[in-house]
PDB file of N, CA and C in Angstrom:
ATOM      1  N   GLU A   1       0.770  -1.253  -0.405  1.00  0.00           N
ATOM      2  CA  GLU A   1       0.082  -0.004  -0.059  1.00  0.00           C
ATOM      3  C   GLU A   1       0.947   1.003  -0.185  1.00  0.00           C
ATOM      4  N   GLY A   2       0.355   2.169  -0.888  1.00  0.00           N
ATOM      5  CA  GLY A   2       1.083   3.391  -0.807  1.00  0.00           C
ATOM      6  C   GLY A   2       2.293   3.463  -1.828  1.00  0.00           C
ATOM      7  N   MET A   3       2.627   2.399  -2.575  1.00  0.00           N
ATOM      8  CA  MET A   3       3.846   2.442  -3.388  1.00  0.00           C
ATOM      9  C   MET A   3       3.219   2.395  -4.814  1.00  0.00           C
ATOM     10  N   THR A   4       4.456   3.211  -5.524  1.00  0.00           N
ATOM     11  CA  THR A   4       3.731   2.787  -6.956  1.00  0.00           C
ATOM     12  C   THR A   4       4.333   1.585  -7.527  1.00  0.00           C
ATOM     13  N   ARG A   5       3.742   1.253  -8.569  1.00  0.00           N
ATOM     14  CA  ARG A   5       4.060   0.112  -9.429  1.00  0.00           C
ATOM     15  C   ARG A   5       5.740  -0.056  -9.799  1.00  0.00           C
ATOM     16  N   GLU A   6       6.737   0.835  -9.533  1.00  0.00           N
ATOM     17  CA  GLU A   6       7.811   0.958 -10.072  1.00  0.00           C
ATOM     18  C   GLU A   6       8.529   0.575  -8.684  1.00  0.00           C
ATOM     19  N   GLU A   7       8.005   0.953  -7.352  1.00  0.00           N
ATOM     20  CA  GLU A   7       8.666   0.716  -6.264  1.00  0.00           C
ATOM     21  C   GLU A   7       8.338  -0.612  -5.870  1.00  0.00           C
ATOM     22  N   ILE A   8       6.979  -1.068  -6.608  1.00  0.00           N
ATOM     23  CA  ILE A   8       6.634  -2.523  -6.116  1.00  0.00           C
ATOM     24  C   ILE A   8       7.474  -3.412  -6.477  1.00  0.00           C
ATOM     25  N   GLN A   9       7.764  -3.232  -8.059  1.00  0.00           N
ATOM     26  CA  GLN A   9       8.315  -3.722  -8.686  1.00  0.00           C
ATOM     27  C   GLN A   9      10.273  -3.997  -8.516  1.00  0.00           C
ATOM     28  N   LYS A  10      10.614  -3.110  -7.618  1.00  0.00           N
ATOM     29  CA  LYS A  10      11.886  -3.082  -7.362  1.00  0.00           C
ATOM     30  C   LYS A  10      11.691  -3.668  -5.730  1.00  0.00           C
ATOM     31  N   ARG A  11      11.160  -3.612  -5.197  1.00  0.00           N
ATOM     32  CA  ARG A  11      11.421  -4.203  -3.917  1.00  0.00           C
ATOM     33  C   ARG A  11      10.903  -5.494  -3.840  1.00  0.00           C
ATOM     34  N   TYR A  12       9.870  -5.976  -4.639  1.00  0.00           N
ATOM     35  CA  TYR A  12       9.346  -7.525  -4.707  1.00  0.00           C
ATOM     36  C   TYR A  12       9.395  -7.870  -6.033  1.00  0.00           C
ATOM     37  N   PRO A  13      10.706  -8.146  -6.697  1.00  0.00           N
ATOM     38  CA  PRO A  13      10.580  -8.442  -7.906  1.00  0.00           C
ATOM     39  C   PRO A  13       9.867 -10.079  -8.496  1.00  0.00           C
ATOM     40  N   GLY A  14      10.380 -11.166  -7.361  1.00  0.00           N
ATOM     41  CA  GLY A  14       9.720 -12.216  -7.277  1.00  0.00           C
ATOM     42  C   GLY A  14       8.153 -12.342  -7.374  1.00  0.00           C
ATOM     43  N   LEU A  15       7.176 -11.525  -6.476  1.00  0.00           N
ATOM     44  CA  LEU A  15       6.336 -11.272  -6.400  1.00  0.00           C
ATOM     45  C   LEU A  15       5.732 -10.812  -7.661  1.00  0.00           C
ATOM     46  N   TRP A  16       6.193  -9.697  -8.437  1.00  0.00           N
ATOM     47  CA  TRP A  16       5.686  -8.851  -9.491  1.00  0.00           C
ATOM     48  C   TRP A  16       5.552  -9.992 -10.255  1.00  0.00           C
ATOM     49  N   GLN A  17       6.846 -10.684 -10.799  1.00  0.00           N
ATOM     50  CA  GLN A  17       6.493 -11.548 -11.661  1.00  0.00           C
ATOM     51  C   GLN A  17       5.790 -12.950 -11.675  1.00  0.00           C
ATOM     52  N   GLN A  18       5.006 -13.185 -10.099  1.00  0.00           N
ATOM     53  CA  GLN A  18       4.328 -14.042 -10.109  1.00  0.00           C
ATOM     54  C   GLN A  18       2.674 -13.397 -10.330  1.00  0.00           C
ATOM     55  N   ARG A  19       2.797 -12.329  -9.653  1.00  0.00           N
ATOM     56  CA  ARG A  19       1.530 -11.437 -10.298  1.00  0.00           C
ATOM     57  C   ARG A  19       1.145 -11.178 -11.264  1.00  0.00           C
ATOM     58  N   LYS A  20       2.193 -11.306 -12.285  1.00  0.00           N
ATOM     59  CA  LYS A  20       2.178 -10.719 -13.787  1.00  0.00           C
ATOM     60  C   LYS A  20       1.613 -12.212 -14.071  1.00  0.00           C
ATOM     61  N   LYS A  21       2.264 -13.496 -13.809  1.00  0.00           N
ATOM     62  CA  LYS A  21       2.020 -14.814 -14.396  1.00  0.00           C
ATOM     63  C   LYS A  21       0.262 -15.398 -13.973  1.00  0.00           C
ATOM     64  N   ASP A  22       0.126 -15.046 -12.826  1.00  0.00           N
ATOM     65  CA  ASP A  22      -1.194 -15.538 -12.219  1.00  0.00           C
ATOM     66  C   ASP A  22      -1.548 -14.607 -10.962  1.00  0.00           C
ATOM     67  N   PRO A  23      -2.124 -13.359 -11.261  1.00  0.00           N
ATOM     68  CA  PRO A  23      -2.480 -12.702 -10.361  1.00  0.00           C
ATOM     69  C   PRO A  23      -3.457 -12.949  -9.147  1.00  0.00           C
ATOM     70  N   THR A  24      -3.892 -14.223  -9.440  1.00  0.00           N
ATOM     71  CA  THR A  24      -5.277 -15.108  -8.577  1.00  0.00           C
ATOM     72  C   THR A  24      -4.386 -15.549  -7.456  1.00  0.00           C
ATOM     73  N   MET A  25      -3.199 -16.028  -7.650  1.00  0.00           N
ATOM     74  CA  MET A  25      -2.137 -16.695  -6.684  1.00  0.00           C
ATOM     75  C   MET A  25      -1.240 -16.092  -5.979  1.00  0.00           C
ATOM     76  N   ALA A  26      -0.992 -14.924  -6.664  1.00  0.00           N
ATOM     77  CA  ALA A  26       0.413 -14.334  -5.659  1.00  0.00           C
ATOM     78  C   ALA A  26      -0.090 -13.267  -4.643  1.00  0.00           C
ATOM     79  N   ALA A  27       0.463 -13.619  -3.553  1.00  0.00           N
ATOM     80  CA  ALA A  27       0.222 -12.725  -2.036  1.00  0.00           C
ATOM     81  C   ALA A  27       0.890 -11.831  -1.614  1.00  0.00           C
ATOM     82  N   PRO A  28       0.663 -10.936  -1.550  1.00  0.00           N
ATOM     83  CA  PRO A  28       1.442  -9.701  -1.177  1.00  0.00           C
ATOM     84  C   PRO A  28       2.128 -10.005   0.516  1.00  0.00           C
ATOM     85  N   PRO A  29       3.116  -9.562   0.919  1.00  0.00           N
ATOM     86  CA  PRO A  29       3.769 -10.008   2.019  1.00  0.00           C
ATOM     87  C   PRO A  29       2.393  -9.693   3.300  1.00  0.00           C
ATOM     88  N   GLY A  30       2.129 -10.812   4.239  1.00  0.00           N
ATOM     89  CA  GLY A  30       1.314 -10.880   5.080  1.00  0.00           C
ATOM     90  C   GLY A  30      -0.140 -11.070   4.972  1.00  0.00           C
ATOM     91  N   GLY A  31      -0.026 -11.133   3.471  1.00  0.00           N
ATOM     92  CA  GLY A  31      -1.750 -10.938   2.793  1.00  0.00           C
ATOM     93  C   GLY A  31      -2.052 -12.576   2.512  1.00  0.00           C
ATOM     94  N   GLU A  32      -2.982 -12.595   1.777  1.00  0.00           N
ATOM     95  CA  GLU A  32      -3.661 -13.943   0.993  1.00  0.00           C
ATOM     96  C   GLU A  32      -3.788 -13.856  -0.578  1.00  0.00           C
ATOM     97  N   PRO A  33      -3.564 -14.801  -1.329  1.00  0.00           N
ATOM     98  CA  PRO A  33      -3.617 -14.858  -2.786  1.00  0.00           C
ATOM     99  C   PRO A  33      -5.091 -14.286  -2.988  1.00  0.00           C
ATOM    100  N   LEU A  34      -5.517 -13.411  -4.257  1.00  0.00           N
ATOM    101  CA  LEU A  34      -6.476 -13.589  -4.590  1.00  0.00           C
ATOM    102  C   LEU A  34      -7.908 -14.304  -4.459  1.00  0.00           C
ATOM    103  N   VAL A  35      -7.474 -15.564  -5.125  1.00  0.00           N
ATOM    104  CA  VAL A  35      -8.508 -16.924  -4.925  1.00  0.00           C
ATOM    105  C   VAL A  35      -8.590 -17.102  -3.403  1.00  0.00           C
ATOM    106  N   VAL A  36      -7.837 -17.133  -2.514  1.00  0.00           N
ATOM    107  CA  VAL A  36      -8.551 -17.584  -1.429  1.00  0.00           C
ATOM    108  C   VAL A  36      -9.162 -16.521  -0.485  1.00  0.00           C
ATOM    109  N   MET A  37      -8.820 -15.087  -0.834  1.00  0.00           N
ATOM    110  CA  MET A  37      -9.719 -14.347  -0.302  1.00  0.00           C
ATOM    111  C   MET A  37     -11.205 -14.524  -1.118  1.00  0.00           C
ATOM    112  N   GLN A  38     -11.114 -14.563  -2.308  1.00  0.00           N
ATOM    113  CA  GLN A  38     -12.424 -14.868  -3.028  1.00  0.00           C
ATOM    114  C   GLN A  38     -13.430 -15.741  -2.454  1.00  0.00           C
ATOM    115  N   ARG A  39     -12.770 -16.936  -2.147  1.00  0.00           N
ATOM    116  CA  ARG A  39     -13.716 -18.403  -1.466  1.00  0.00           C
ATOM    117  C   ARG A  39     -14.131 -17.874  -0.151  1.00  0.00           C
ATOM    118  N   ARG A  40     -13.254 -17.132   0.624  1.00  0.00           N
ATOM    119  CA  ARG A  40     -13.646 -16.686   1.961  1.00  0.00           C
ATOM    120  C   ARG A  40     -14.802 -15.611   1.899  1.00  0.00           C
ATOM    121  N   VAL A  41     -14.793 -15.190   0.785  1.00  0.00           N
ATOM    122  CA  VAL A  41     -16.223 -13.943   0.531  1.00  0.00           C
ATOM    123  C   VAL A  41     -17.024 -14.578  -0.077  1.00  0.00           C
ATOM    124  N   MET A  42     -17.037 -15.391  -1.059  1.00  0.00           N
ATOM    125  CA  MET A  42     -18.339 -15.979  -1.510  1.00  0.00           C
ATOM    126  C   MET A  42     -19.133 -17.080  -0.356  1.00  0.00           C
ATOM    127  N   ALA A  43     -17.928 -17.840   0.337  1.00  0.00           N
ATOM    128  CA  ALA A  43     -18.818 -18.353   1.439  1.00  0.00           C
ATOM    129  C   ALA A  43     -19.461 -17.554   2.715  1.00  0.00           C
ATOM    130  N   SER A  44     -19.208 -16.269   2.708  1.00  0.00           N
ATOM    131  CA  SER A  44     -20.002 -15.084   3.546  1.00  0.00           C
ATOM    132  C   SER A  44     -21.126 -14.922   3.015  1.00  0.00           C
ATOM    133  N   VAL A  45     -20.515 -14.484   1.507  1.00  0.00           N
ATOM    134  CA  VAL A  45     -21.879 -14.028   0.982  1.00  0.00           C
ATOM    135  C   VAL A  45     -23.141 -15.144   0.852  1.00  0.00           C
ATOM    136  N   GLN A  46     -22.990 -16.351   0.358  1.00  0.00           N
ATOM    137  CA  GLN A  46     -23.619 -17.495   0.445  1.00  0.00           C
ATOM    138  C   GLN A  46     -24.341 -17.402   1.611  1.00  0.00           C
ATOM    139  N   GLU A  47     -23.690 -17.634   3.038  1.00  0.00           N
ATOM    140  CA  GLU A  47     -24.376 -17.718   4.141  1.00  0.00           C
ATOM    141  C   GLU A  47     -25.420 -16.547   4.864  1.00  0.00           C
ATOM    142  N   ILE A  48     -24.944 -15.291   4.187  1.00  0.00           N
ATOM    143  CA  ILE A  48     -25.843 -13.999   4.272  1.00  0.00           C
ATOM    144  C   ILE A  48     -26.776 -13.844   3.628  1.00  0.00           C
ATOM    145  N   ALA A  49     -26.833 -14.364   2.235  1.00  0.00           N
ATOM    146  CA  ALA A  49     -27.921 -14.715   1.338  1.00  0.00           C
ATOM    147  C   ALA A  49     -29.099 -15.701   1.901  1.00  0.00           C
ATOM    148  N   GLN A  50     -28.160 -16.971   2.208  1.00  0.00           N
ATOM    149  CA  GLN A  50     -29.249 -17.870   2.866  1.00  0.00           C
ATOM    150  C   GLN A  50     -29.742 -17.632   4.106  1.00  0.00           C
ATOM    151  N   ARG A  51     -29.291 -16.963   5.187  1.00  0.00           N
ATOM    152  CA  ARG A  51     -29.649 -16.631   6.139  1.00  0.00           C
ATOM    153  C   ARG A  51     -30.630 -15.519   6.160  1.00  0.00           C
ATOM    154  N   HIS A  52     -30.944 -14.415   5.354  1.00  0.00           N
ATOM    155  CA  HIS A  52     -31.550 -13.361   5.053  1.00  0.00           C
ATOM    156  C   HIS A  52     -32.122 -13.638   3.957  1.00  0.00           C
ATOM    157  N   LEU A  53     -32.966 -14.730   3.250  1.00  0.00           N
ATOM    158  CA  LEU A  53     -33.700 -15.013   2.313  1.00  0.00           C
ATOM    159  C   LEU A  53     -34.791 -13.774   2.271  1.00  0.00           C
ATOM    160  N   GLY A  54     -35.000 -13.160   1.356  1.00  0.00           N
ATOM    161  CA  GLY A  54     -35.804 -11.718   0.699  1.00  0.00           C
ATOM    162  C   GLY A  54     -35.866 -10.809   1.931  1.00  0.00           C
ATOM    163  N   GLN A  55     -34.722 -10.796   2.195  1.00  0.00           N
ATOM    164  CA  GLN A  55     -34.425  -9.683   2.931  1.00  0.00           C
ATOM    165  C   GLN A  55     -33.191  -8.439   2.293  1.00  0.00           C
ATOM    166  N   THR A  56     -33.253  -7.232   2.661  1.00  0.00           N
ATOM    167  CA  THR A  56     -32.265  -6.464   2.448  1.00  0.00           C
ATOM    168  C   THR A  56     -31.148  -6.252   3.319  1.00  0.00           C
ATOM    169  N   VAL A  57     -30.177  -6.621   3.128  1.00  0.00           N
ATOM    170  CA  VAL A  57     -29.128  -6.830   4.058  1.00  0.00           C
ATOM    171  C   VAL A  57     -28.028  -5.890   3.462  1.00  0.00           C
ATOM    172  N   LEU A  58     -27.193  -5.041   4.413  1.00  0.00           N
ATOM    173  CA  LEU A  58     -26.199  -4.104   4.289  1.00  0.00           C
ATOM    174  C   LEU A  58     -25.190  -4.831   4.390  1.00  0.00           C
ATOM    175  N   VAL A  59     -23.860  -4.985   3.651  1.00  0.00           N
ATOM    176  CA  VAL A  59     -22.598  -5.411   3.829  1.00  0.00           C
ATOM    177  C   VAL A  59     -21.802  -4.242   3.582  1.00  0.00           C
ATOM    178  N   CYS A  60     -20.817  -3.875   4.543  1.00  0.00           N
ATOM    179  CA  CYS A  60     -19.600  -2.817   4.151  1.00  0.00           C
ATOM    180  C   CYS A  60     -18.218  -3.666   4.095  1.00  0.00           C
ATOM    181  N   THR A  61     -17.566  -3.441   2.750  1.00  0.00           N
ATOM    182  CA  THR A  61     -16.618  -4.099   2.573  1.00  0.00           C
ATOM    183  C   THR A  61     -15.321  -2.955   2.023  1.00  0.00           C
ATOM    184  N   HIS A  62     -14.063  -3.686   1.821  1.00  0.00           N
ATOM    185  CA  HIS A  62     -13.413  -3.349   0.701  1.00  0.00           C
ATOM    186  C   HIS A  62     -13.100  -3.214  -0.948  1.00  0.00           C
ATOM    187  N   ALA A  63     -12.685  -2.375  -1.791  1.00  0.00           N
ATOM    188  CA  ALA A  63     -13.306  -2.855  -3.109  1.00  0.00           C
ATOM    189  C   ALA A  63     -12.602  -4.073  -3.566  1.00  0.00           C
ATOM    190  N   GLY A  64     -11.702  -4.843  -3.098  1.00  0.00           N
ATOM    191  CA  GLY A  64     -11.127  -5.933  -3.171  1.00  0.00           C
ATOM    192  C   GLY A  64     -12.215  -7.031  -3.187  1.00  0.00           C
ATOM    193  N   PRO A  65     -12.826  -7.320  -1.786  1.00  0.00           N
ATOM    194  CA  PRO A  65     -14.134  -8.232  -1.853  1.00  0.00           C
ATOM    195  C   PRO A  65     -15.100  -7.940  -2.658  1.00  0.00           C
ATOM    196  N   ILE A  66     -15.419  -6.525  -3.024  1.00  0.00           N
ATOM    197  CA  ILE A  66     -16.604  -6.294  -3.800  1.00  0.00           C
ATOM    198  C   ILE A  66     -16.375  -7.000  -5.096  1.00  0.00           C
ATOM    199  N   ARG A  67     -14.910  -6.734  -6.008  1.00  0.00           N
ATOM    200  CA  ARG A  67     -14.744  -7.271  -7.081  1.00  0.00           C
ATOM    201  C   ARG A  67     -14.857  -8.735  -7.077  1.00  0.00           C
ATOM    202  N   ALA A  68     -14.265  -9.453  -6.437  1.00  0.00           N
ATOM    203  CA  ALA A  68     -13.800 -10.773  -6.017  1.00  0.00           C
ATOM    204  C   ALA A  68     -15.265 -11.470  -6.098  1.00  0.00           C
ATOM    205  N   ALA A  69     -16.493 -10.751  -5.116  1.00  0.00           N
ATOM    206  CA  ALA A  69     -17.791 -11.423  -4.984  1.00  0.00           C
ATOM    207  C   ALA A  69     -18.587 -11.191  -6.401  1.00  0.00           C
ATOM    208  N   LEU A  70     -18.420  -9.908  -6.934  1.00  0.00           N
ATOM    209  CA  LEU A  70     -18.954  -9.925  -8.223  1.00  0.00           C
ATOM    210  C   LEU A  70     -18.130 -11.057  -9.542  1.00  0.00           C
ATOM    211  N   CYS A  71     -17.372 -11.122  -9.514  1.00  0.00           N
ATOM    212  CA  CYS A  71     -17.024 -12.238 -10.467  1.00  0.00           C
ATOM    213  C   CYS A  71     -17.391 -13.373 -10.002  1.00  0.00           C
ATOM    214  N   GLY A  72     -17.426 -13.914  -8.627  1.00  0.00           N
ATOM    215  CA  GLY A  72     -17.558 -15.279  -8.122  1.00  0.00           C
ATOM    216  C   GLY A  72     -19.426 -15.400  -8.614  1.00  0.00           C
ATOM    217  N   LEU A  73     -20.122 -14.343  -8.107  1.00  0.00           N
ATOM    218  CA  LEU A  73     -21.758 -14.151  -8.542  1.00  0.00           C
ATOM    219  C   LEU A  73     -21.962 -14.105  -9.729  1.00  0.00           C
ATOM    220  N   LEU A  74     -21.230 -13.585 -10.570  1.00  0.00           N
ATOM    221  CA  LEU A  74     -21.313 -13.834 -12.264  1.00  0.00           C
ATOM    222  C   LEU A  74     -20.596 -14.804 -12.781  1.00  0.00           C
ATOM    223  N   GLY A  75     -20.058 -15.155 -12.047  1.00  0.00           N
ATOM    224  CA  GLY A  75     -19.254 -16.157 -13.247  1.00  0.00           C
ATOM    225  C   GLY A  75     -18.128 -15.930 -13.868  1.00  0.00           C
ATOM    226  N   ILE A  76     -17.137 -14.797 -13.488  1.00  0.00           N
ATOM    227  CA  ILE A  76     -16.489 -14.267 -14.283  1.00  0.00           C
ATOM    228  C   ILE A  76     -14.983 -14.380 -14.091  1.00  0.00           C
ATOM    229  N   ASP A  77     -14.108 -15.116 -14.578  1.00  0.00           N
ATOM    230  CA  ASP A  77     -12.842 -14.998 -14.236  1.00  0.00           C
ATOM    231  C   ASP A  77     -12.166 -14.091 -13.029  1.00  0.00           C
ATOM    232  N   LEU A  78     -11.871 -14.775 -11.998  1.00  0.00           N
ATOM    233  CA  LEU A  78     -10.915 -13.554 -10.979  1.00  0.00           C
ATOM    234  C   LEU A  78     -10.063 -12.530 -11.763  1.00  0.00           C
ATOM    235  N   ARG A  79      -9.443 -13.028 -12.801  1.00  0.00           N
ATOM    236  CA  ARG A  79      -8.312 -12.456 -13.236  1.00  0.00           C
ATOM    237  C   ARG A  79      -8.981 -11.327 -14.263  1.00  0.00           C
ATOM    238  N   ARG A  80     -10.098 -11.065 -13.987  1.00  0.00           N
ATOM    239  CA  ARG A  80     -10.475  -9.718 -14.818  1.00  0.00           C
ATOM    240  C   ARG A  80     -10.949  -8.860 -13.882  1.00  0.00           C
ATOM    241  N   SER A  81     -10.825  -9.255 -12.319  1.00  0.00           N
ATOM    242  CA  SER A  81     -11.456  -8.316 -11.475  1.00  0.00           C
ATOM    243  C   SER A  81     -11.448  -7.059 -11.471  1.00  0.00           C
ATOM    244  N   TRP A  82     -10.057  -6.823 -11.912  1.00  0.00           N
ATOM    245  CA  TRP A  82      -9.303  -5.225 -12.058  1.00  0.00           C
ATOM    246  C   TRP A  82     -10.497  -4.795 -13.051  1.00  0.00           C
ATOM    247  N   GLN A  83     -11.318  -5.080 -13.524  1.00  0.00           N
ATOM    248  CA  GLN A  83     -12.152  -4.258 -14.480  1.00  0.00           C
ATOM    249  C   GLN A  83     -13.014  -3.961 -14.163  1.00  0.00           C
ATOM    250  N   PHE A  84     -13.328  -4.330 -12.731  1.00  0.00           N
ATOM    251  CA  PHE A  84     -14.466  -3.576 -12.026  1.00  0.00           C
ATOM    252  C   PHE A  84     -13.862  -2.406 -10.783  1.00  0.00           C
ATOM    253  N   ARG A  85     -14.282  -1.159 -11.415  1.00  0.00           N
ATOM    254  CA  ARG A  85     -13.604   0.075 -10.835  1.00  0.00           C
ATOM    255  C   ARG A  85     -14.592   0.466  -9.636  1.00  0.00           C
ATOM    256  N   THR A  86     -13.922   0.182  -8.597  1.00  0.00           N
ATOM    257  CA  THR A  86     -14.811   0.464  -7.603  1.00  0.00           C
ATOM    258  C   THR A  86     -14.323   1.693  -6.631  1.00  0.00           C
ATOM    259  N   ASP A  87     -14.933   2.946  -6.632  1.00  0.00           N
ATOM    260  CA  ASP A  87     -14.396   3.807  -6.015  1.00  0.00           C
ATOM    261  C   ASP A  87     -14.852   3.782  -4.121  1.00  0.00           C
ATOM    262  N   ASN A  88     -14.213   4.693  -3.210  1.00  0.00           N
ATOM    263  CA  ASN A  88     -14.377   4.894  -1.966  1.00  0.00           C
ATOM    264  C   ASN A  88     -15.333   5.064  -1.827  1.00  0.00           C
ATOM    265  N   ALA A  89     -16.523   4.736  -0.993  1.00  0.00           N
ATOM    266  CA  ALA A  89     -17.719   5.105  -0.407  1.00  0.00           C
ATOM    267  C   ALA A  89     -18.777   4.854  -1.454  1.00  0.00           C
ATOM    268  N   SER A  90     -18.542   4.300  -2.697  1.00  0.00           N
ATOM    269  CA  SER A  90     -19.541   4.009  -3.473  1.00  0.00           C
ATOM    270  C   SER A  90     -20.412   2.638  -2.833  1.00  0.00           C
ATOM    271  N   LEU A  91     -21.525   2.584  -3.813  1.00  0.00           N
ATOM    272  CA  LEU A  91     -22.491   1.799  -3.466  1.00  0.00           C
ATOM    273  C   LEU A  91     -22.822   0.672  -4.752  1.00  0.00           C
ATOM    274  N   THR A  92     -22.582  -0.812  -4.308  1.00  0.00           N
ATOM    275  CA  THR A  92     -23.082  -1.571  -5.186  1.00  0.00           C
ATOM    276  C   THR A  92     -24.215  -2.390  -4.575  1.00  0.00           C
ATOM    277  N   VAL A  93     -25.291  -2.341  -5.347  1.00  0.00           N
ATOM    278  CA  VAL A  93     -26.389  -3.353  -5.108  1.00  0.00           C
ATOM    279  C   VAL A  93     -26.602  -4.526  -5.822  1.00  0.00           C
ATOM    280  N   VAL A  94     -27.086  -5.804  -5.316  1.00  0.00           N
ATOM    281  CA  VAL A  94     -26.841  -6.952  -5.840  1.00  0.00           C
ATOM    282  C   VAL A  94     -27.750  -7.686  -5.409  1.00  0.00           C
ATOM    283  N   ALA A  95     -29.232  -8.153  -6.089  1.00  0.00           N
ATOM    284  CA  ALA A  95     -30.081  -8.852  -5.576  1.00  0.00           C
ATOM    285  C   ALA A  95     -29.750 -10.434  -5.706  1.00  0.00           C
ATOM    286  N   ILE A  96     -29.677 -11.148  -5.235  1.00  0.00           N
ATOM    287  CA  ILE A  96     -29.674 -12.750  -5.011  1.00  0.00           C
ATOM    288  C   ILE A  96     -30.959 -13.464  -4.940  1.00  0.00           C
ATOM    289  N   THR A  97     -30.905 -14.093  -6.287  1.00  0.00           N
ATOM    290  CA  THR A  97     -32.510 -14.953  -6.315  1.00  0.00           C
ATOM    291  C   THR A  97     -31.904 -16.117  -6.823  1.00  0.00           C
ATOM    292  N   GLU A  98     -32.861 -16.982  -6.697  1.00  0.00           N
ATOM    293  CA  GLU A  98     -32.500 -18.318  -7.027  1.00  0.00           C
ATOM    294  C   GLU A  98     -32.275 -18.598  -8.396  1.00  0.00           C
ATOM    295  N   GLU A  99     -32.546 -17.890  -9.279  1.00  0.00           N
ATOM    296  CA  GLU A  99     -31.895 -17.989 -10.698  1.00  0.00           C
ATOM    297  C   GLU A  99     -30.384 -17.397 -10.602  1.00  0.00           C
ATOM    298  N   GLY A 100     -30.087 -16.708  -9.618  1.00  0.00           N
ATOM    299  CA  GLY A 100     -28.658 -16.064  -9.441  1.00  0.00           C
ATOM    300  C   GLY A 100     -28.641 -14.541  -9.066  1.00  0.00           C
ATOM    301  N   ALA A 101     -27.721 -13.720  -9.686  1.00  0.00           N
ATOM    302  CA  ALA A 101     -27.211 -12.612  -8.870  1.00  0.00           C
ATOM    303  C   ALA A 101     -27.510 -11.453 -10.088  1.00  0.00           C
ATOM    304  N   VAL A 102     -28.191 -10.454  -9.729  1.00  0.00           N
ATOM    305  CA  VAL A 102     -28.506  -9.438 -10.415  1.00  0.00           C
ATOM    306  C   VAL A 102     -27.989  -7.911  -9.995  1.00  0.00           C
ATOM    307  N   ILE A 103     -27.280  -7.428 -10.738  1.00  0.00           N
ATOM    308  CA  ILE A 103     -26.555  -6.138 -10.444  1.00  0.00           C
ATOM    309  C   ILE A 103     -27.281  -5.243 -10.460  1.00  0.00           C
ATOM    310  N   GLU A 104     -27.993  -4.499  -9.712  1.00  0.00           N
ATOM    311  CA  GLU A 104     -29.112  -3.625  -9.394  1.00  0.00           C
ATOM    312  C   GLU A 104     -28.298  -1.829  -9.939  1.00  0.00           C
ATOM    313  N   ALA A 105     -26.952  -1.684  -8.808  1.00  0.00           N
ATOM    314  CA  ALA A 105     -26.497  -0.520  -9.328  1.00  0.00           C
ATOM    315  C   ALA A 105     -24.958  -0.835  -8.826  1.00  0.00           C
ATOM    316  N   PHE A 106     -23.884  -0.606  -9.378  1.00  0.00           N
ATOM    317  CA  PHE A 106     -22.652  -0.450  -9.201  1.00  0.00           C
ATOM    318  C   PHE A 106     -21.680   0.749  -9.266  1.00  0.00           C
ATOM    319  N   ASN A 107     -20.942   0.955  -8.414  1.00  0.00           N
ATOM    320  CA  ASN A 107     -19.885   1.887  -8.011  1.00  0.00           C
ATOM    321  C   ASN A 107     -20.686   2.826  -8.349  1.00  0.00           C
ATOM    322  N   ASP A 108     -22.075   3.194  -7.629  1.00  0.00           N
ATOM    323  CA  ASP A 108     -22.453   4.414  -7.350  1.00  0.00           C
ATOM    324  C   ASP A 108     -22.225   5.616  -6.265  1.00  0.00           C
ATOM    325  N   THR A 109     -22.139   6.652  -6.717  1.00  0.00           N
ATOM    326  CA  THR A 109     -21.728   7.243  -5.619  1.00  0.00           C
ATOM    327  C   THR A 109     -22.195   8.929  -5.669  1.00  0.00           C
ATOM    328  N   ARG A 110     -23.692   8.715  -6.172  1.00  0.00           N
ATOM    329  CA  ARG A 110     -24.410   9.839  -6.415  1.00  0.00           C
ATOM    330  C   ARG A 110     -24.906   9.945  -4.753  1.00  0.00           C
ATOM    331  N   HIS A 111     -25.173   8.902  -3.972  1.00  0.00           N
ATOM    332  CA  HIS A 111     -25.557   9.591  -2.256  1.00  0.00           C
ATOM    333  C   HIS A 111     -24.159  10.571  -1.490  1.00  0.00           C
ATOM    334  N   LEU A 112     -23.236  10.570  -2.354  1.00  0.00           N
ATOM    335  CA  LEU A 112     -22.284  11.495  -1.671  1.00  0.00           C
ATOM    336  C   LEU A 112     -22.589  12.703  -2.072  1.00  0.00           C
ATOM    337  N   SER A 113     -23.443  12.852  -3.007  1.00  0.00           N
ATOM    338  CA  SER A 113     -23.714  14.650  -3.632  1.00  0.00           C
ATOM    339  C   SER A 113     -24.953  14.690  -3.065  1.00  0.00           C
ATOM    340  N   GLY A 114     -25.883  14.040  -2.342  1.00  0.00           N
ATOM    341  CA  GLY A 114     -27.287  13.933  -2.302  1.00  0.00           C
ATOM    342  C   GLY A 114     -28.297  13.423  -3.057  1.00  0.00           C
ATOM    343  N   SER A 115     -27.835  12.775  -4.325  1.00  0.00           N
ATOM    344  CA  SER A 115     -28.841  12.793  -5.283  1.00  0.00           C
ATOM    345  C   SER A 115     -28.906  11.496  -5.619  1.00  0.00           C
ATOM    346  N   TYR A 116     -29.134  10.594  -4.726  1.00  0.00           N
ATOM    347  CA  TYR A 116     -29.672   9.080  -4.844  1.00  0.00           C
ATOM    348  C   TYR A 116     -30.792   9.261  -5.297  1.00  0.00           C
ATOM    349  N   PRO A 117     -31.288   8.246  -5.845  1.00  0.00           N
ATOM    350  CA  PRO A 117     -32.374   8.171  -6.379  1.00  0.00           C
ATOM    351  C   PRO A 117     -33.180   7.143  -5.517  1.00  0.00           C
ATOM    352  N   ASP A 118     -34.690   7.698  -5.186  1.00  0.00           N
ATOM    353  CA  ASP A 118     -35.281   7.280  -4.240  1.00  0.00           C
ATOM    354  C   ASP A 118     -35.711   5.546  -4.540  1.00  0.00           C
ATOM    355  N   SER A 119     -35.937   5.175  -5.649  1.00  0.00           N
ATOM    356  CA  SER A 119     -36.146   3.719  -6.280  1.00  0.00           C
ATOM    357  C   SER A 119     -34.859   2.919  -5.639  1.00  0.00           C
ATOM    358  N   LEU A 120     -33.645   3.303  -5.570  1.00  0.00           N
ATOM    359  CA  LEU A 120     -32.606   1.947  -4.816  1.00  0.00           C
ATOM    360  C   LEU A 120     -32.546   2.289  -3.528  1.00  0.00           C
ATOM    361  N   VAL A 121     -33.458   3.097  -2.445  1.00  0.00           N
ATOM    362  CA  VAL A 121     -33.149   3.039  -1.422  1.00  0.00           C
ATOM    363  C   VAL A 121     -34.673   2.424  -0.672  1.00  0.00           C
ATOM    364  N   PRO A 122     -34.000   1.214   0.138  1.00  0.00           N
ATOM    365  CA  PRO A 122     -34.770   0.297   0.432  1.00  0.00           C
ATOM    366  C   PRO A 122     -35.938   1.132   1.477  1.00  0.00           C
TER     367      PRO A 122
END
């Protein structure tokens, strides 16, 4: 955290090469690989969805778990998770049904300016 791409390449050349080869298996120092994090996140998402079937639930987390969950819920390869831009304090609304997940809002920051649509407020 807080390092540029060049600083990471210089400080962790082996990790950088591993990340280029397979970003889902590279683990930062003291961290876990993306694939492990995704398994943990998806287990939590499934547990929450089962426990609160038909209810609205708020889950707060960081961008990485949001991207990993979206990939898991939509069946998208985790290596493509970087394609989901997730801004700080953004809202992502997902409806989980028996048929699968439906993304109702993604990376929405309108609430920060006070212009969030009433239709998305439960």
